[in-house]
Amino acid sequence: MHTHSITSEVRFSEIKPGYEVADDGTVWSSVGVGYKPPRLGPRHQLKGHVLKSGHIVVNLGRGNKNARLVHRLVLEAFVGPCPEGMECRHIDGNPANNRLENLTWGTRQDNRLDDIINGTMPQKFSDEAIIRIRELAAEGMSPLEIALLFDTSDTYVRLIVSRRARRVLRSDLI
């Protein structure tokens, strides 16, 4: 996460007494550390923890029960509660980009479509399948034709062929 410049026009919303979230995805606290009961002091930006998925979590107090996903804090504060059957979408496919303009509520299907559009679809292919996809591409088969054979997107086929997919062969690293 980043710090604010003095000239930025960032909106803040209180999410819990002593805690605020900004529409740029930063989370702030004025809760003094080490006081019982906690006292309010100068506001400071909370450091987030990055999950394996790339999403950012902050703690709004002590203990795991106070851990919150930043993207949900932003949407809940500025848009409202998550509608039933919906989840958070990062429009650009970057789970660390928690700016309000990059977030929206959507269905799981919307999220999968975003993954296809952004080329971030997590898929697991065997080493043999990856090799075969690359062979077919080398033989001149189009990414769309290969995608239909392997039940994936042509974008993901391109990522496999160019060795930019998340799942790579061990030999790609050598």
N, C-alpha and C. Protein backbone atom coordinates (compact mmCIF):
# COMPACT_ATOMS: atom_id res chain seq x y z
N MET A 1 0.85 -1.17 0.00
CA MET A 1 0.00 0.00 0.00
C MET A 1 0.89 1.23 0.00
N HIS A 2 0.31 2.36 -0.32
CA HIS A 2 1.13 3.56 -0.44
C HIS A 2 0.66 4.62 0.54
N THR A 3 1.42 5.69 0.64
CA THR A 3 1.04 6.79 1.52
C THR A 3 0.39 7.88 0.70
N HIS A 4 -0.35 8.73 1.38
CA HIS A 4 -1.06 9.82 0.71
C HIS A 4 -0.14 11.00 0.48
N SER A 5 -0.35 11.69 -0.61
CA SER A 5 0.30 12.98 -0.78
C SER A 5 -0.62 14.02 -0.17
N ILE A 6 -0.08 15.12 0.22
CA ILE A 6 -0.87 16.16 0.88
C ILE A 6 -1.95 16.70 -0.04
N THR A 7 -1.71 16.70 -1.34
CA THR A 7 -2.67 17.29 -2.27
C THR A 7 -3.73 16.31 -2.76
N SER A 8 -3.65 15.04 -2.37
CA SER A 8 -4.62 14.08 -2.89
C SER A 8 -5.99 14.36 -2.30
N GLU A 9 -7.01 14.05 -3.09
CA GLU A 9 -8.38 14.23 -2.63
C GLU A 9 -8.97 12.87 -2.35
N VAL A 10 -8.56 12.31 -1.23
CA VAL A 10 -8.97 10.97 -0.85
C VAL A 10 -10.14 11.08 0.13
N ARG A 11 -11.14 10.23 -0.10
CA ARG A 11 -12.27 10.18 0.82
C ARG A 11 -12.00 9.10 1.87
N PHE A 12 -12.40 9.37 3.10
CA PHE A 12 -12.24 8.43 4.19
C PHE A 12 -13.61 8.04 4.72
N SER A 13 -13.69 6.82 5.25
CA SER A 13 -14.93 6.36 5.86
C SER A 13 -14.56 5.57 7.11
N GLU A 14 -15.23 5.88 8.23
CA GLU A 14 -14.97 5.14 9.47
C GLU A 14 -15.57 3.74 9.34
N ILE A 15 -14.78 2.74 9.67
CA ILE A 15 -15.25 1.36 9.55
C ILE A 15 -15.41 0.70 10.91
N LYS A 16 -14.80 1.31 11.92
CA LYS A 16 -14.86 0.82 13.29
C LYS A 16 -14.29 1.96 14.12
N PRO A 17 -14.75 2.17 15.34
CA PRO A 17 -14.19 3.29 16.12
C PRO A 17 -12.67 3.27 16.14
N GLY A 18 -12.08 4.38 15.68
CA GLY A 18 -10.63 4.50 15.63
C GLY A 18 -9.98 4.01 14.35
N TYR A 19 -10.81 3.51 13.41
CA TYR A 19 -10.27 2.97 12.15
C TYR A 19 -11.02 3.58 10.97
N GLU A 20 -10.28 3.91 9.93
CA GLU A 20 -10.86 4.46 8.71
C GLU A 20 -10.25 3.77 7.50
N VAL A 21 -11.03 3.71 6.43
CA VAL A 21 -10.52 3.21 5.16
C VAL A 21 -10.67 4.36 4.17
N ALA A 22 -9.70 4.45 3.26
CA ALA A 22 -9.74 5.49 2.24
C ALA A 22 -10.11 4.86 0.90
N ASP A 23 -10.67 5.69 0.01
CA ASP A 23 -11.10 5.17 -1.29
C ASP A 23 -9.92 4.79 -2.18
N ASP A 24 -8.69 5.06 -1.73
CA ASP A 24 -7.51 4.60 -2.47
C ASP A 24 -7.00 3.25 -1.97
N GLY A 25 -7.74 2.63 -1.04
CA GLY A 25 -7.39 1.30 -0.56
C GLY A 25 -6.47 1.27 0.64
N THR A 26 -6.16 2.42 1.22
CA THR A 26 -5.33 2.43 2.43
C THR A 26 -6.24 2.38 3.65
N VAL A 27 -5.72 1.82 4.74
CA VAL A 27 -6.48 1.70 5.98
C VAL A 27 -5.67 2.41 7.07
N TRP A 28 -6.39 3.16 7.91
CA TRP A 28 -5.76 4.03 8.90
C TRP A 28 -6.32 3.75 10.28
N SER A 29 -5.48 3.98 11.30
CA SER A 29 -5.90 3.79 12.68
C SER A 29 -5.44 4.97 13.52
N SER A 30 -6.26 5.32 14.48
CA SER A 30 -5.85 6.31 15.48
C SER A 30 -5.89 5.67 16.87
N VAL A 31 -5.93 4.34 16.90
CA VAL A 31 -5.95 3.60 18.16
C VAL A 31 -4.52 3.48 18.67
N GLY A 32 -4.29 3.93 19.90
CA GLY A 32 -2.97 3.83 20.50
C GLY A 32 -2.65 2.40 20.86
N VAL A 33 -1.42 1.99 20.62
CA VAL A 33 -1.00 0.62 20.89
C VAL A 33 -0.51 0.51 22.33
N GLY A 34 -0.90 -0.57 23.00
CA GLY A 34 -0.40 -0.82 24.34
C GLY A 34 -1.21 -0.20 25.46
N TYR A 35 -2.29 0.47 25.14
CA TYR A 35 -3.13 1.07 26.18
C TYR A 35 -4.33 0.17 26.45
N LYS A 36 -4.70 0.07 27.74
CA LYS A 36 -5.90 -0.67 28.11
C LYS A 36 -6.73 0.25 28.98
N PRO A 37 -7.91 0.65 28.59
CA PRO A 37 -8.48 0.44 27.25
C PRO A 37 -7.74 1.27 26.21
N PRO A 38 -7.91 0.91 24.93
CA PRO A 38 -7.20 1.65 23.87
C PRO A 38 -7.57 3.14 23.87
N ARG A 39 -6.60 3.97 23.63
CA ARG A 39 -6.81 5.42 23.52
C ARG A 39 -6.63 5.85 22.08
N LEU A 40 -7.30 6.92 21.72
CA LEU A 40 -7.12 7.47 20.38
C LEU A 40 -5.92 8.40 20.37
N GLY A 41 -5.14 8.32 19.32
CA GLY A 41 -3.96 9.15 19.18
C GLY A 41 -3.84 9.62 17.75
N PRO A 42 -2.63 9.96 17.31
CA PRO A 42 -2.45 10.40 15.92
C PRO A 42 -2.77 9.26 14.94
N ARG A 43 -3.34 9.63 13.82
CA ARG A 43 -3.70 8.64 12.80
C ARG A 43 -2.45 8.15 12.08
N HIS A 44 -2.40 6.83 11.85
CA HIS A 44 -1.27 6.23 11.13
C HIS A 44 -1.82 5.16 10.18
N GLN A 45 -1.09 4.94 9.10
CA GLN A 45 -1.51 3.95 8.11
C GLN A 45 -1.14 2.56 8.60
N LEU A 46 -2.10 1.63 8.46
CA LEU A 46 -1.84 0.25 8.84
C LEU A 46 -1.08 -0.46 7.72
N LYS A 47 -0.18 -1.33 8.13
CA LYS A 47 0.54 -2.15 7.15
C LYS A 47 -0.29 -3.40 6.90
N GLY A 48 -0.47 -3.71 5.66
CA GLY A 48 -1.23 -4.89 5.32
C GLY A 48 -0.34 -6.11 5.18
N HIS A 49 -0.96 -7.26 5.29
CA HIS A 49 -0.29 -8.53 5.07
C HIS A 49 -0.80 -9.09 3.75
N VAL A 50 0.10 -9.50 2.87
CA VAL A 50 -0.30 -10.02 1.56
C VAL A 50 -0.47 -11.53 1.65
N LEU A 51 -1.67 -12.01 1.29
CA LEU A 51 -1.96 -13.44 1.28
C LEU A 51 -1.36 -14.08 0.03
N LYS A 52 -1.29 -15.41 -0.01
CA LYS A 52 -0.79 -16.12 -1.18
C LYS A 52 -1.59 -15.76 -2.43
N SER A 53 -2.86 -15.46 -2.25
CA SER A 53 -3.72 -15.10 -3.38
C SER A 53 -3.40 -13.71 -3.92
N GLY A 54 -2.61 -12.92 -3.17
CA GLY A 54 -2.31 -11.55 -3.57
C GLY A 54 -3.20 -10.53 -2.90
N HIS A 55 -4.26 -10.96 -2.24
CA HIS A 55 -5.16 -10.05 -1.52
C HIS A 55 -4.46 -9.51 -0.28
N ILE A 56 -4.86 -8.33 0.16
CA ILE A 56 -4.24 -7.69 1.32
C ILE A 56 -5.21 -7.73 2.50
N VAL A 57 -4.67 -8.08 3.67
CA VAL A 57 -5.43 -8.17 4.90
C VAL A 57 -4.82 -7.21 5.92
N VAL A 58 -5.67 -6.55 6.69
CA VAL A 58 -5.22 -5.73 7.81
C VAL A 58 -5.92 -6.21 9.08
N ASN A 59 -5.33 -5.92 10.22
CA ASN A 59 -5.94 -6.24 11.50
C ASN A 59 -6.51 -4.97 12.11
N LEU A 60 -7.80 -5.01 12.41
CA LEU A 60 -8.46 -3.89 13.06
C LEU A 60 -8.56 -4.22 14.55
N GLY A 61 -7.43 -4.28 15.19
CA GLY A 61 -7.35 -4.68 16.59
C GLY A 61 -6.49 -5.92 16.70
N ARG A 62 -6.43 -6.46 17.91
CA ARG A 62 -5.58 -7.63 18.15
C ARG A 62 -6.34 -8.91 17.85
N GLY A 63 -5.61 -9.92 17.42
CA GLY A 63 -6.19 -11.24 17.21
C GLY A 63 -6.69 -11.47 15.80
N ASN A 64 -6.74 -12.74 15.41
CA ASN A 64 -7.16 -13.11 14.06
C ASN A 64 -8.60 -12.76 13.76
N LYS A 65 -9.46 -12.67 14.80
CA LYS A 65 -10.86 -12.35 14.54
C LYS A 65 -11.03 -10.93 14.01
N ASN A 66 -10.00 -10.12 14.12
CA ASN A 66 -10.05 -8.74 13.63
C ASN A 66 -9.40 -8.56 12.27
N ALA A 67 -8.95 -9.65 11.66
CA ALA A 67 -8.34 -9.57 10.33
C ALA A 67 -9.43 -9.34 9.29
N ARG A 68 -9.21 -8.37 8.41
CA ARG A 68 -10.21 -8.03 7.39
C ARG A 68 -9.54 -7.84 6.04
N LEU A 69 -10.20 -8.31 4.99
CA LEU A 69 -9.71 -8.10 3.62
C LEU A 69 -9.94 -6.64 3.24
N VAL A 70 -8.90 -5.99 2.74
CA VAL A 70 -8.99 -4.57 2.43
C VAL A 70 -10.02 -4.30 1.33
N HIS A 71 -10.10 -5.14 0.29
CA HIS A 71 -11.05 -4.87 -0.79
C HIS A 71 -12.48 -4.86 -0.27
N ARG A 72 -12.79 -5.72 0.69
CA ARG A 72 -14.14 -5.74 1.27
C ARG A 72 -14.39 -4.49 2.11
N LEU A 73 -13.37 -4.07 2.86
CA LEU A 73 -13.52 -2.84 3.66
C LEU A 73 -13.85 -1.65 2.77
N VAL A 74 -13.14 -1.54 1.66
CA VAL A 74 -13.35 -0.42 0.74
C VAL A 74 -14.77 -0.46 0.16
N LEU A 75 -15.18 -1.60 -0.36
CA LEU A 75 -16.51 -1.70 -0.97
C LEU A 75 -17.62 -1.50 0.06
N GLU A 76 -17.48 -2.12 1.22
CA GLU A 76 -18.52 -1.98 2.24
C GLU A 76 -18.64 -0.53 2.72
N ALA A 77 -17.50 0.16 2.82
CA ALA A 77 -17.51 1.54 3.31
C ALA A 77 -18.09 2.52 2.29
N PHE A 78 -17.79 2.31 1.01
CA PHE A 78 -18.17 3.32 0.01
C PHE A 78 -19.33 2.90 -0.89
N VAL A 79 -19.64 1.61 -0.97
CA VAL A 79 -20.73 1.14 -1.82
C VAL A 79 -21.87 0.57 -0.99
N GLY A 80 -21.53 -0.18 0.05
CA GLY A 80 -22.53 -0.80 0.90
C GLY A 80 -22.24 -2.27 1.07
N PRO A 81 -23.06 -2.94 1.88
CA PRO A 81 -22.82 -4.36 2.15
C PRO A 81 -22.86 -5.20 0.87
N CYS A 82 -22.18 -6.33 0.93
CA CYS A 82 -22.15 -7.24 -0.20
C CYS A 82 -23.53 -7.85 -0.41
N PRO A 83 -24.10 -7.66 -1.60
CA PRO A 83 -25.41 -8.28 -1.87
C PRO A 83 -25.29 -9.80 -1.86
N GLU A 84 -26.37 -10.46 -1.49
CA GLU A 84 -26.36 -11.92 -1.43
C GLU A 84 -26.01 -12.50 -2.80
N GLY A 85 -25.14 -13.51 -2.79
CA GLY A 85 -24.73 -14.16 -4.02
C GLY A 85 -23.63 -13.42 -4.78
N MET A 86 -23.13 -12.35 -4.20
CA MET A 86 -22.09 -11.55 -4.86
C MET A 86 -20.77 -11.69 -4.11
N GLU A 87 -19.71 -11.27 -4.77
CA GLU A 87 -18.38 -11.23 -4.18
C GLU A 87 -17.64 -10.04 -4.78
N CYS A 88 -16.50 -9.73 -4.21
CA CYS A 88 -15.72 -8.59 -4.70
C CYS A 88 -15.01 -8.95 -6.00
N ARG A 89 -15.04 -8.00 -6.93
CA ARG A 89 -14.30 -8.14 -8.19
C ARG A 89 -13.21 -7.07 -8.24
N HIS A 90 -11.99 -7.49 -8.57
CA HIS A 90 -10.91 -6.55 -8.89
C HIS A 90 -10.94 -6.46 -10.42
N ILE A 91 -11.42 -5.38 -10.94
CA ILE A 91 -11.67 -5.25 -12.37
C ILE A 91 -10.41 -5.49 -13.20
N ASP A 92 -9.25 -5.00 -12.71
CA ASP A 92 -8.01 -5.17 -13.47
C ASP A 92 -7.33 -6.51 -13.21
N GLY A 93 -7.91 -7.35 -12.35
CA GLY A 93 -7.34 -8.66 -12.07
C GLY A 93 -6.23 -8.65 -11.04
N ASN A 94 -5.86 -7.48 -10.53
CA ASN A 94 -4.78 -7.36 -9.54
C ASN A 94 -5.39 -7.33 -8.14
N PRO A 95 -5.26 -8.42 -7.36
CA PRO A 95 -5.89 -8.45 -6.04
C PRO A 95 -5.28 -7.49 -5.02
N ALA A 96 -4.17 -6.87 -5.35
CA ALA A 96 -3.56 -5.89 -4.46
C ALA A 96 -4.01 -4.46 -4.78
N ASN A 97 -4.73 -4.27 -5.89
CA ASN A 97 -5.21 -2.94 -6.27
C ASN A 97 -6.59 -2.73 -5.64
N ASN A 98 -6.60 -2.09 -4.48
CA ASN A 98 -7.84 -1.93 -3.72
C ASN A 98 -8.43 -0.53 -3.83
N ARG A 99 -8.13 0.16 -4.91
CA ARG A 99 -8.75 1.47 -5.16
C ARG A 99 -10.22 1.27 -5.49
N LEU A 100 -11.06 2.14 -4.99
CA LEU A 100 -12.50 2.01 -5.19
C LEU A 100 -12.86 1.88 -6.66
N GLU A 101 -12.21 2.63 -7.52
CA GLU A 101 -12.55 2.58 -8.95
C GLU A 101 -12.20 1.23 -9.60
N ASN A 102 -11.42 0.39 -8.90
CA ASN A 102 -11.06 -0.93 -9.41
C ASN A 102 -11.92 -2.04 -8.81
N LEU A 103 -12.82 -1.69 -7.91
CA LEU A 103 -13.60 -2.70 -7.19
C LEU A 103 -15.09 -2.56 -7.47
N THR A 104 -15.75 -3.70 -7.49
CA THR A 104 -17.21 -3.71 -7.62
C THR A 104 -17.73 -5.04 -7.11
N TRP A 105 -18.99 -5.09 -6.71
CA TRP A 105 -19.60 -6.36 -6.37
C TRP A 105 -20.02 -7.04 -7.66
N GLY A 106 -19.88 -8.35 -7.71
CA GLY A 106 -20.28 -9.11 -8.88
C GLY A 106 -20.44 -10.57 -8.53
N THR A 107 -20.87 -11.34 -9.47
CA THR A 107 -21.05 -12.77 -9.25
C THR A 107 -19.72 -13.50 -9.43
N ARG A 108 -19.68 -14.74 -9.02
CA ARG A 108 -18.49 -15.57 -9.24
C ARG A 108 -18.21 -15.67 -10.74
N GLN A 109 -19.28 -15.76 -11.54
CA GLN A 109 -19.11 -15.82 -12.99
C GLN A 109 -18.47 -14.54 -13.52
N ASP A 110 -18.89 -13.38 -12.99
CA ASP A 110 -18.27 -12.11 -13.37
C ASP A 110 -16.77 -12.16 -13.09
N ASN A 111 -16.41 -12.69 -11.91
CA ASN A 111 -15.00 -12.79 -11.53
C ASN A 111 -14.24 -13.70 -12.49
N ARG A 112 -14.83 -14.81 -12.89
CA ARG A 112 -14.17 -15.73 -13.84
C ARG A 112 -13.99 -15.04 -15.19
N LEU A 113 -15.00 -14.28 -15.63
CA LEU A 113 -14.87 -13.54 -16.90
C LEU A 113 -13.75 -12.51 -16.81
N ASP A 114 -13.63 -11.85 -15.64
CA ASP A 114 -12.52 -10.91 -15.44
C ASP A 114 -11.18 -11.64 -15.58
N ASP A 115 -11.10 -12.86 -14.99
CA ASP A 115 -9.86 -13.64 -15.09
C ASP A 115 -9.52 -13.94 -16.53
N ILE A 116 -10.53 -14.27 -17.33
CA ILE A 116 -10.29 -14.56 -18.75
C ILE A 116 -9.82 -13.31 -19.46
N ILE A 117 -10.52 -12.21 -19.25
CA ILE A 117 -10.19 -10.94 -19.92
C ILE A 117 -8.78 -10.48 -19.53
N ASN A 118 -8.45 -10.62 -18.23
CA ASN A 118 -7.15 -10.14 -17.73
C ASN A 118 -6.04 -11.16 -17.87
N GLY A 119 -6.37 -12.38 -18.31
CA GLY A 119 -5.35 -13.40 -18.46
C GLY A 119 -4.81 -13.91 -17.14
N THR A 120 -5.63 -13.88 -16.10
CA THR A 120 -5.18 -14.31 -14.78
C THR A 120 -5.93 -15.56 -14.30
N MET A 121 -6.52 -16.30 -15.22
CA MET A 121 -7.30 -17.47 -14.87
C MET A 121 -6.39 -18.54 -14.26
N PRO A 122 -6.59 -18.85 -12.98
CA PRO A 122 -5.76 -19.91 -12.40
C PRO A 122 -6.26 -21.27 -12.86
N GLN A 123 -5.41 -22.01 -13.52
CA GLN A 123 -5.77 -23.34 -13.99
C GLN A 123 -4.61 -24.26 -13.74
N LYS A 124 -4.94 -25.52 -13.56
CA LYS A 124 -3.90 -26.52 -13.34
C LYS A 124 -3.89 -27.47 -14.52
N PHE A 125 -2.80 -27.46 -15.23
CA PHE A 125 -2.59 -28.39 -16.31
C PHE A 125 -1.40 -29.27 -15.96
N SER A 126 -1.45 -30.50 -16.36
CA SER A 126 -0.31 -31.39 -16.15
C SER A 126 0.85 -30.93 -17.04
N ASP A 127 2.04 -31.38 -16.69
CA ASP A 127 3.20 -31.06 -17.52
C ASP A 127 2.98 -31.53 -18.96
N GLU A 128 2.35 -32.70 -19.09
CA GLU A 128 2.10 -33.25 -20.43
C GLU A 128 1.15 -32.34 -21.22
N ALA A 129 0.12 -31.81 -20.55
CA ALA A 129 -0.83 -30.93 -21.22
C ALA A 129 -0.15 -29.63 -21.65
N ILE A 130 0.69 -29.09 -20.80
CA ILE A 130 1.40 -27.85 -21.14
C ILE A 130 2.30 -28.08 -22.35
N ILE A 131 3.02 -29.19 -22.34
CA ILE A 131 3.89 -29.53 -23.47
C ILE A 131 3.06 -29.67 -24.74
N ARG A 132 1.91 -30.36 -24.65
CA ARG A 132 1.06 -30.57 -25.83
C ARG A 132 0.51 -29.25 -26.34
N ILE A 133 0.09 -28.35 -25.45
CA ILE A 133 -0.41 -27.04 -25.86
C ILE A 133 0.67 -26.30 -26.64
N ARG A 134 1.89 -26.34 -26.17
CA ARG A 134 2.99 -25.65 -26.85
C ARG A 134 3.32 -26.31 -28.19
N GLU A 135 3.23 -27.63 -28.23
CA GLU A 135 3.47 -28.33 -29.50
C GLU A 135 2.41 -27.94 -30.54
N LEU A 136 1.15 -27.94 -30.13
CA LEU A 136 0.07 -27.58 -31.06
C LEU A 136 0.23 -26.15 -31.57
N ALA A 137 0.63 -25.27 -30.69
CA ALA A 137 0.86 -23.88 -31.11
C ALA A 137 2.02 -23.81 -32.11
N ALA A 138 3.08 -24.56 -31.85
CA ALA A 138 4.24 -24.58 -32.75
C ALA A 138 3.88 -25.16 -34.11
N GLU A 139 2.89 -26.07 -34.12
CA GLU A 139 2.43 -26.67 -35.37
C GLU A 139 1.47 -25.75 -36.13
N GLY A 140 1.14 -24.60 -35.54
CA GLY A 140 0.31 -23.63 -36.24
C GLY A 140 -1.15 -23.59 -35.83
N MET A 141 -1.55 -24.39 -34.86
CA MET A 141 -2.94 -24.35 -34.41
C MET A 141 -3.18 -23.03 -33.68
N SER A 142 -4.33 -22.43 -33.88
CA SER A 142 -4.63 -21.14 -33.26
C SER A 142 -4.90 -21.31 -31.77
N PRO A 143 -4.65 -20.25 -30.98
CA PRO A 143 -4.94 -20.32 -29.55
C PRO A 143 -6.41 -20.67 -29.26
N LEU A 144 -7.32 -20.18 -30.09
CA LEU A 144 -8.74 -20.47 -29.87
C LEU A 144 -9.03 -21.95 -30.08
N GLU A 145 -8.45 -22.53 -31.13
CA GLU A 145 -8.65 -23.97 -31.38
C GLU A 145 -8.08 -24.81 -30.23
N ILE A 146 -6.90 -24.42 -29.74
CA ILE A 146 -6.28 -25.15 -28.63
C ILE A 146 -7.14 -24.99 -27.37
N ALA A 147 -7.63 -23.78 -27.15
CA ALA A 147 -8.46 -23.51 -25.97
C ALA A 147 -9.70 -24.40 -25.95
N LEU A 148 -10.31 -24.59 -27.12
CA LEU A 148 -11.50 -25.45 -27.20
C LEU A 148 -11.16 -26.90 -26.87
N LEU A 149 -9.98 -27.35 -27.28
CA LEU A 149 -9.55 -28.72 -26.98
C LEU A 149 -9.30 -28.94 -25.49
N PHE A 150 -8.79 -27.91 -24.81
CA PHE A 150 -8.39 -28.05 -23.41
C PHE A 150 -9.37 -27.38 -22.44
N ASP A 151 -10.52 -26.94 -22.94
CA ASP A 151 -11.55 -26.31 -22.10
C ASP A 151 -10.98 -25.17 -21.26
N THR A 152 -10.35 -24.23 -21.96
CA THR A 152 -9.77 -23.07 -21.30
C THR A 152 -9.98 -21.87 -22.22
N SER A 153 -9.34 -20.76 -21.92
CA SER A 153 -9.48 -19.57 -22.76
C SER A 153 -8.29 -19.45 -23.71
N ASP A 154 -8.50 -18.78 -24.83
CA ASP A 154 -7.39 -18.54 -25.74
C ASP A 154 -6.34 -17.64 -25.09
N THR A 155 -6.77 -16.76 -24.20
CA THR A 155 -5.82 -15.92 -23.47
C THR A 155 -4.89 -16.78 -22.64
N TYR A 156 -5.45 -17.77 -21.95
CA TYR A 156 -4.62 -18.64 -21.11
C TYR A 156 -3.68 -19.49 -21.96
N VAL A 157 -4.15 -19.92 -23.12
CA VAL A 157 -3.28 -20.67 -24.04
C VAL A 157 -2.08 -19.80 -24.43
N ARG A 158 -2.34 -18.54 -24.76
CA ARG A 158 -1.25 -17.63 -25.12
C ARG A 158 -0.24 -17.48 -23.97
N LEU A 159 -0.76 -17.42 -22.74
CA LEU A 159 0.12 -17.31 -21.57
C LEU A 159 0.98 -18.56 -21.40
N ILE A 160 0.40 -19.72 -21.64
CA ILE A 160 1.16 -20.97 -21.54
C ILE A 160 2.24 -21.01 -22.62
N VAL A 161 1.86 -20.66 -23.83
CA VAL A 161 2.81 -20.71 -24.95
C VAL A 161 3.95 -19.71 -24.73
N SER A 162 3.64 -18.54 -24.20
CA SER A 162 4.67 -17.52 -23.98
C SER A 162 5.41 -17.70 -22.65
N ARG A 163 5.03 -18.75 -21.90
CA ARG A 163 5.65 -19.06 -20.60
C ARG A 163 5.38 -18.00 -19.55
N ARG A 164 4.25 -17.29 -19.67
CA ARG A 164 3.88 -16.28 -18.67
C ARG A 164 2.76 -16.76 -17.77
N ALA A 165 2.25 -17.97 -17.98
CA ALA A 165 1.19 -18.50 -17.13
C ALA A 165 1.73 -18.76 -15.73
N ARG A 166 0.84 -18.71 -14.75
CA ARG A 166 1.27 -18.97 -13.37
C ARG A 166 1.83 -20.37 -13.21
N ARG A 167 1.28 -21.34 -13.88
CA ARG A 167 1.72 -22.73 -13.79
C ARG A 167 2.73 -22.96 -14.90
N VAL A 168 3.99 -23.14 -14.53
CA VAL A 168 5.03 -23.38 -15.54
C VAL A 168 5.71 -24.70 -15.26
N LEU A 169 6.37 -25.23 -16.26
CA LEU A 169 7.14 -26.45 -16.10
C LEU A 169 8.43 -26.13 -15.37
N ARG A 170 8.91 -27.09 -14.61
CA ARG A 170 10.18 -26.91 -13.91
C ARG A 170 11.28 -26.55 -14.90
N SER A 171 11.25 -27.13 -16.10
CA SER A 171 12.27 -26.86 -17.11
C SER A 171 12.22 -25.42 -17.61
N ASP A 172 11.07 -24.75 -17.47
CA ASP A 172 10.97 -23.34 -17.88
C ASP A 172 11.83 -22.44 -17.00
N LEU A 173 12.10 -22.89 -15.80
CA LEU A 173 12.83 -22.08 -14.83
C LEU A 173 14.34 -22.20 -15.01
N ILE A 174 14.78 -23.17 -15.80
CA ILE A 174 16.22 -23.42 -15.97
C ILE A 174 16.75 -22.57 -17.11
